[in-house]
Amino acid sequence: MGWGEGSRRTGLHAAAAMSAGQLPAAVLLWWIVTTSGTDGYGAGYGGALLGLLCVLLFAPLVLPVLGLLHAVLHPLPAVALARRLPGPEWARHLVGAGALGTAWAVPVCLLGDRSFPATAAALSALGVLPVLALTCVRRRARRTGRAWGTWGIWFRSALASAALFVLALTGALAATAAGLIEEYEPPELTAGQLAGVWRGEDGAVLRLLPGGRAVATGLPAQGPYDASSTRDFVVCAGAGTWHLVREGDDARRDEVRVRFGGSCGQETAWTIGGTADAPELFVLFGDPDAGDLRILIHD
């Protein structure tokens, strides 16, 4: 049979369905790559679980739209480009997907500070499965004279999506266990390295002086317990004390504990983060999943 209007519509559904089906696994891999080796600043998993729940609830509505948009911008133009190339159909389609992915990497990199080779490779990879799905559907229609229906295509895409997500998650867990995925390691700083000026947002300044003295200006700190208070911290200024606490074999991290007088009388534990070259102190006030994160950077 010819590749008529009905078959072209089937090809569009195949590209869109596979584009949508690969997105959950692609997002998971993107999240792993972008967060690997970075500091989570002590945040809990509640926010991530809530986000995952929202994704699961709205995915059936959002993914088909994103899949259709991707199909129109990448796989379908790649297939059109492939008609001008020599070689087997599947190979031509892969070359077209790579060419379109590389082309789309140019504006993406111009809009942000990204690596062009990595961006081109990632965008090209997003076109591989959709063009192969389109090739498969097209070949089957030619061989049997009958194309898959819309629901059949999207149902198979849902099964493939679940399999891809499980495969990506299993691979990530295995890579983590094997040490292939970098885990964040906070720096181990001495009291001498911690001494100096630390600055944060809203004009917060913490001066850690040798000998255990501290001076603060506009520094957020743990306030006295007050059941009626709606704030998780108070803003402090003045003189106080500080000391370094090493947790040793404990799972917790090294901390700088600072105490001031008056309404700032409670001790505030600033956790050491960042890197050895760019150290940070941070504290998370309130809910571990959605608290107020404050970060100080060493001058």
Protein backbone atom coordinates (compact mmCIF):
# COMPACT_ATOMS: atom_id res chain seq x y z
CA MET A 1 0.00 0.00 0.00
CA GLY A 2 1.13 3.61 -0.45
CA TRP A 3 2.04 5.91 2.35
CA GLY A 4 -1.28 7.77 2.09
CA GLU A 5 -3.04 10.23 4.34
CA GLY A 6 -4.19 7.55 6.80
CA SER A 7 -0.73 6.03 7.03
CA ARG A 8 0.87 9.46 7.48
CA ARG A 9 -1.52 10.07 10.36
CA THR A 10 -0.48 6.71 11.83
CA GLY A 11 3.17 7.72 11.46
CA LEU A 12 2.47 10.96 13.32
CA HIS A 13 0.84 9.04 16.17
CA ALA A 14 3.78 6.59 16.29
CA ALA A 15 6.34 9.39 16.53
CA ALA A 16 4.30 11.35 19.07
CA ALA A 17 3.54 8.29 21.21
CA MET A 18 7.16 7.18 21.36
CA SER A 19 8.30 10.76 22.00
CA ALA A 20 5.92 10.92 24.94
CA GLY A 21 6.77 7.42 26.14
CA GLN A 22 10.50 8.09 26.44
CA LEU A 23 10.10 11.32 28.45
CA PRO A 24 9.74 9.78 31.97
CA ALA A 25 12.98 7.81 31.56
CA ALA A 26 14.70 10.80 29.93
CA VAL A 27 13.68 13.10 32.80
CA LEU A 28 14.92 10.55 35.33
CA LEU A 29 18.32 10.30 33.61
CA TRP A 30 18.53 14.10 33.29
CA TRP A 31 17.82 14.48 37.01
CA ILE A 32 20.49 11.92 37.90
CA VAL A 33 23.09 13.58 35.67
CA THR A 34 22.37 17.12 36.87
CA THR A 35 22.27 16.23 40.58
CA SER A 36 25.17 13.78 40.62
CA GLY A 37 27.92 15.03 42.87
CA THR A 38 25.93 18.05 44.05
CA ASP A 39 24.97 18.97 47.60
CA GLY A 40 21.34 18.37 48.53
CA TYR A 41 21.65 20.81 51.47
CA GLY A 42 19.97 18.42 53.85
CA ALA A 43 16.59 18.54 52.12
CA GLY A 44 14.29 15.59 52.78
CA TYR A 45 12.55 13.40 50.25
CA GLY A 46 9.02 14.64 50.94
CA GLY A 47 9.22 17.36 48.30
CA ALA A 48 10.55 14.92 45.72
CA LEU A 49 7.79 12.44 46.53
CA LEU A 50 5.14 15.15 46.24
CA GLY A 51 6.61 16.18 42.90
CA LEU A 52 6.58 12.56 41.71
CA LEU A 53 2.92 12.23 42.75
CA CYS A 54 2.03 15.36 40.77
CA VAL A 55 3.89 14.00 37.75
CA LEU A 56 2.00 10.70 37.95
CA LEU A 57 -1.34 12.51 38.23
CA PHE A 58 -0.83 14.89 35.34
CA ALA A 59 1.36 12.75 33.06
CA PRO A 60 -1.57 11.32 31.03
CA LEU A 61 -2.60 14.89 30.15
CA VAL A 62 0.81 16.49 29.65
CA LEU A 63 2.87 13.74 28.01
CA PRO A 64 0.75 13.39 24.81
CA VAL A 65 0.99 17.15 24.21
CA LEU A 66 4.76 17.17 24.76
CA GLY A 67 5.12 14.06 22.60
CA LEU A 68 3.18 15.66 19.74
CA LEU A 69 5.25 18.85 20.00
CA HIS A 70 8.49 16.88 19.95
CA ALA A 71 7.33 14.76 17.02
CA VAL A 72 6.55 17.84 14.95
CA LEU A 73 9.87 19.52 15.79
CA HIS A 74 12.26 16.57 15.56
CA PRO A 75 11.31 13.05 14.36
CA LEU A 76 9.00 14.04 11.50
CA PRO A 77 11.42 16.61 10.00
CA ALA A 78 14.20 14.05 10.47
CA VAL A 79 12.25 11.49 8.45
CA ALA A 80 11.56 14.07 5.75
CA LEU A 81 15.27 14.89 5.61
CA ALA A 82 16.14 11.18 5.46
CA ARG A 83 14.31 10.75 2.15
CA ARG A 84 17.17 12.60 0.45
CA LEU A 85 19.84 10.30 1.85
CA PRO A 86 21.11 6.96 0.51
CA GLY A 87 21.09 3.69 2.43
CA PRO A 88 18.59 1.56 4.37
CA GLU A 89 15.50 3.32 5.68
CA TRP A 90 16.29 2.83 9.38
CA ALA A 91 19.87 4.09 8.91
CA ARG A 92 18.69 7.16 6.99
CA HIS A 93 16.19 7.94 9.73
CA LEU A 94 18.88 7.71 12.42
CA VAL A 95 21.13 10.05 10.46
CA GLY A 96 18.24 12.47 10.08
CA ALA A 97 17.53 12.32 13.82
CA GLY A 98 21.18 13.07 14.57
CA ALA A 99 21.25 15.98 12.14
CA LEU A 100 18.08 17.55 13.56
CA GLY A 101 19.26 17.01 17.14
CA THR A 102 22.55 18.74 16.35
CA ALA A 103 20.71 21.60 14.66
CA TRP A 104 18.40 22.12 17.66
CA ALA A 105 21.43 22.13 19.98
CA VAL A 106 22.59 25.43 18.47
CA PRO A 107 19.71 27.63 19.77
CA VAL A 108 19.58 25.68 23.04
CA CYS A 109 23.25 26.40 23.73
CA LEU A 110 22.86 30.03 22.68
CA LEU A 111 20.09 30.45 25.27
CA GLY A 112 22.16 28.97 28.09
CA ASP A 113 25.69 28.09 29.10
CA ARG A 114 25.72 24.45 27.99
CA SER A 115 28.18 22.08 26.39
CA PHE A 116 27.40 21.85 22.67
CA PRO A 117 28.63 18.23 22.18
CA ALA A 118 26.67 17.00 25.23
CA THR A 119 23.54 18.94 24.23
CA ALA A 120 23.72 17.74 20.62
CA ALA A 121 24.17 14.14 21.76
CA ALA A 122 21.24 14.35 24.20
CA LEU A 123 18.86 15.96 21.70
CA SER A 124 19.90 13.53 18.97
CA ALA A 125 19.25 10.60 21.33
CA LEU A 126 15.73 11.90 21.98
CA GLY A 127 14.98 11.44 18.29
CA VAL A 128 16.21 7.86 17.97
CA LEU A 129 13.29 5.90 19.44
CA PRO A 130 10.56 8.01 17.78
CA VAL A 131 12.05 7.66 14.29
CA LEU A 132 12.59 3.93 14.81
CA ALA A 133 8.98 3.59 15.98
CA LEU A 134 7.81 5.47 12.92
CA THR A 135 9.96 3.24 10.69
CA CYS A 136 8.53 0.12 12.33
CA VAL A 137 4.93 1.26 11.90
CA ARG A 138 5.54 2.30 8.33
CA ARG A 139 7.22 -1.00 7.43
CA ARG A 140 4.41 -3.01 9.06
CA ALA A 141 1.78 -1.04 7.15
CA ARG A 142 3.57 -1.74 3.89
CA ARG A 143 4.00 -5.44 4.65
CA THR A 144 0.51 -6.22 5.94
CA GLY A 145 -1.51 -3.55 4.17
CA ARG A 146 -3.00 -2.53 7.50
CA ALA A 147 -1.74 0.06 9.99
CA TRP A 148 -2.10 -0.01 13.76
CA GLY A 149 -4.93 2.04 15.17
CA THR A 150 -4.39 5.10 17.34
CA TRP A 151 -5.23 3.33 20.61
CA GLY A 152 -2.99 0.40 19.71
CA ILE A 153 -0.05 2.71 19.12
CA TRP A 154 -0.52 4.65 22.35
CA PHE A 155 -1.09 1.48 24.39
CA ARG A 156 2.18 0.01 23.13
CA SER A 157 3.87 3.32 23.87
CA ALA A 158 2.63 3.19 27.48
CA LEU A 159 4.08 -0.31 27.90
CA ALA A 160 7.37 0.79 26.35
CA SER A 161 7.42 3.87 28.61
CA ALA A 162 7.07 1.76 31.74
CA ALA A 163 9.80 -0.61 30.56
CA LEU A 164 12.16 2.26 29.73
CA PHE A 165 11.61 3.90 33.11
CA VAL A 166 12.28 0.67 34.99
CA LEU A 167 15.38 0.06 32.86
CA ALA A 168 16.69 3.59 33.51
CA LEU A 169 16.01 3.35 37.25
CA THR A 170 17.62 -0.09 37.53
CA GLY A 171 20.66 1.08 35.58
CA ALA A 172 21.02 4.17 37.79
CA LEU A 173 20.84 2.10 40.97
CA ALA A 174 23.38 -0.37 39.62
CA ALA A 175 25.72 2.44 38.54
CA THR A 176 25.45 4.04 41.97
CA ALA A 177 26.20 0.76 43.71
CA ALA A 178 29.21 0.24 41.44
CA GLY A 179 30.52 3.72 42.15
CA LEU A 180 30.11 4.90 38.55
CA ILE A 181 27.82 7.76 39.58
CA GLU A 182 29.63 10.34 41.64
CA GLU A 183 28.26 10.98 45.11
CA TYR A 184 28.70 14.29 46.86
CA GLU A 185 31.40 14.47 49.51
CA PRO A 186 31.51 17.61 51.68
CA PRO A 187 34.91 19.15 52.41
CA GLU A 188 36.66 18.59 55.73
CA LEU A 189 37.74 22.01 56.98
CA THR A 190 39.84 22.89 59.99
CA ALA A 191 38.98 25.65 62.42
CA GLY A 192 41.69 27.76 60.81
CA GLN A 193 40.13 27.32 57.37
CA LEU A 194 36.70 28.23 58.72
CA ALA A 195 37.93 31.46 60.29
CA GLY A 196 37.12 34.51 58.18
CA VAL A 197 34.11 36.30 56.72
CA TRP A 198 31.06 34.44 55.42
CA ARG A 199 28.39 36.26 53.45
CA GLY A 200 24.83 35.37 52.48
CA GLU A 201 21.74 36.90 50.96
CA ASP A 202 19.97 39.98 52.35
CA GLY A 203 23.25 41.35 53.67
CA ALA A 204 23.92 38.50 56.11
CA VAL A 205 27.51 38.47 57.37
CA LEU A 206 29.14 36.06 59.80
CA ARG A 207 32.69 36.67 60.98
CA LEU A 208 34.33 33.67 62.58
CA LEU A 209 37.33 34.86 64.55
CA PRO A 210 40.18 32.69 65.83
CA GLY A 211 39.67 31.64 69.41
CA GLY A 212 35.93 30.99 69.10
CA ARG A 213 34.53 34.53 68.86
CA ALA A 214 31.85 35.35 66.27
CA VAL A 215 30.35 38.60 65.04
CA ALA A 216 27.12 38.74 63.05
CA THR A 217 25.29 41.30 60.95
CA GLY A 218 21.79 40.50 59.68
CA LEU A 219 22.42 36.80 60.24
CA PRO A 220 19.48 34.36 60.37
CA ALA A 221 19.62 32.21 63.51
CA GLN A 222 17.56 29.74 65.46
CA GLY A 223 15.22 31.75 67.65
CA PRO A 224 13.69 30.82 71.01
CA TYR A 225 10.82 28.33 70.90
CA ASP A 226 7.49 30.11 70.58
CA ALA A 227 4.38 28.15 69.64
CA SER A 228 2.64 31.32 68.45
CA SER A 229 5.48 32.43 66.17
CA THR A 230 5.09 32.07 62.40
CA ARG A 231 8.81 32.50 61.69
CA ASP A 232 11.34 29.69 61.73
CA PHE A 233 14.29 31.96 62.49
CA VAL A 234 15.26 35.37 63.82
CA VAL A 235 17.73 37.90 62.41
CA CYS A 236 20.70 38.51 64.67
CA ALA A 237 23.46 41.06 65.03
CA GLY A 238 26.23 41.38 67.57
CA ALA A 239 28.89 39.25 69.20
CA GLY A 240 28.75 35.57 70.06
CA THR A 241 30.73 32.35 70.02
CA TRP A 242 31.35 29.50 67.61
CA HIS A 243 32.93 26.07 67.59
CA LEU A 244 33.50 23.26 65.09
CA VAL A 245 31.73 19.94 65.68
CA ARG A 246 33.02 16.87 63.89
CA GLU A 247 30.66 13.94 63.65
CA GLY A 248 33.37 11.33 62.96
CA ASP A 249 31.79 8.06 61.88
CA ASP A 250 28.27 9.41 62.31
CA ALA A 251 26.17 9.81 59.18
CA ARG A 252 25.76 13.50 59.87
CA ARG A 253 28.20 16.12 58.60
CA ASP A 254 30.60 18.54 60.23
CA GLU A 255 28.95 21.66 61.60
CA VAL A 256 29.84 25.13 62.80
CA ARG A 257 27.67 25.88 65.81
CA VAL A 258 27.11 29.54 66.54
CA ARG A 259 25.45 31.10 69.57
CA PHE A 260 24.49 34.69 70.29
CA GLY A 261 22.81 36.32 73.25
CA GLY A 262 19.35 37.76 73.82
CA SER A 263 16.58 36.61 71.48
CA CYS A 264 19.25 34.75 69.49
CA GLY A 265 20.25 32.65 72.48
CA GLN A 266 19.61 29.30 70.81
CA GLU A 267 22.53 27.59 69.14
CA THR A 268 22.38 27.50 65.33
CA ALA A 269 24.13 24.63 63.54
CA TRP A 270 25.57 25.70 60.18
CA THR A 271 26.47 22.61 58.13
CA ILE A 272 29.67 22.62 56.10
CA GLY A 273 29.09 22.21 52.36
CA GLY A 274 30.41 23.32 49.01
CA THR A 275 33.90 22.23 48.02
CA ALA A 276 37.39 22.64 49.43
CA ASP A 277 38.00 25.47 46.94
CA ALA A 278 34.60 27.11 47.43
CA PRO A 279 33.32 26.17 50.91
CA GLU A 280 29.83 26.99 52.10
CA LEU A 281 27.88 27.01 55.35
CA PHE A 282 24.17 26.31 55.20
CA VAL A 283 21.20 25.85 57.49
CA LEU A 284 17.66 24.77 56.68
CA PHE A 285 15.07 26.41 58.91
CA GLY A 286 11.64 24.85 59.30
CA ASP A 287 10.28 21.90 57.33
CA PRO A 288 13.12 19.74 55.93
CA ASP A 289 11.09 19.25 52.73
CA ALA A 290 10.12 22.88 52.14
CA GLY A 291 12.09 24.95 54.62
CA ASP A 292 13.96 28.22 54.29
CA LEU A 293 17.48 27.42 53.07
CA ARG A 294 20.18 29.97 53.91
CA ILE A 295 23.70 29.68 52.51
CA LEU A 296 26.86 31.55 53.48
CA ILE A 297 29.86 31.73 51.14
CA HIS A 298 33.42 32.26 52.35
CA ASP A 299 35.08 35.46 51.14
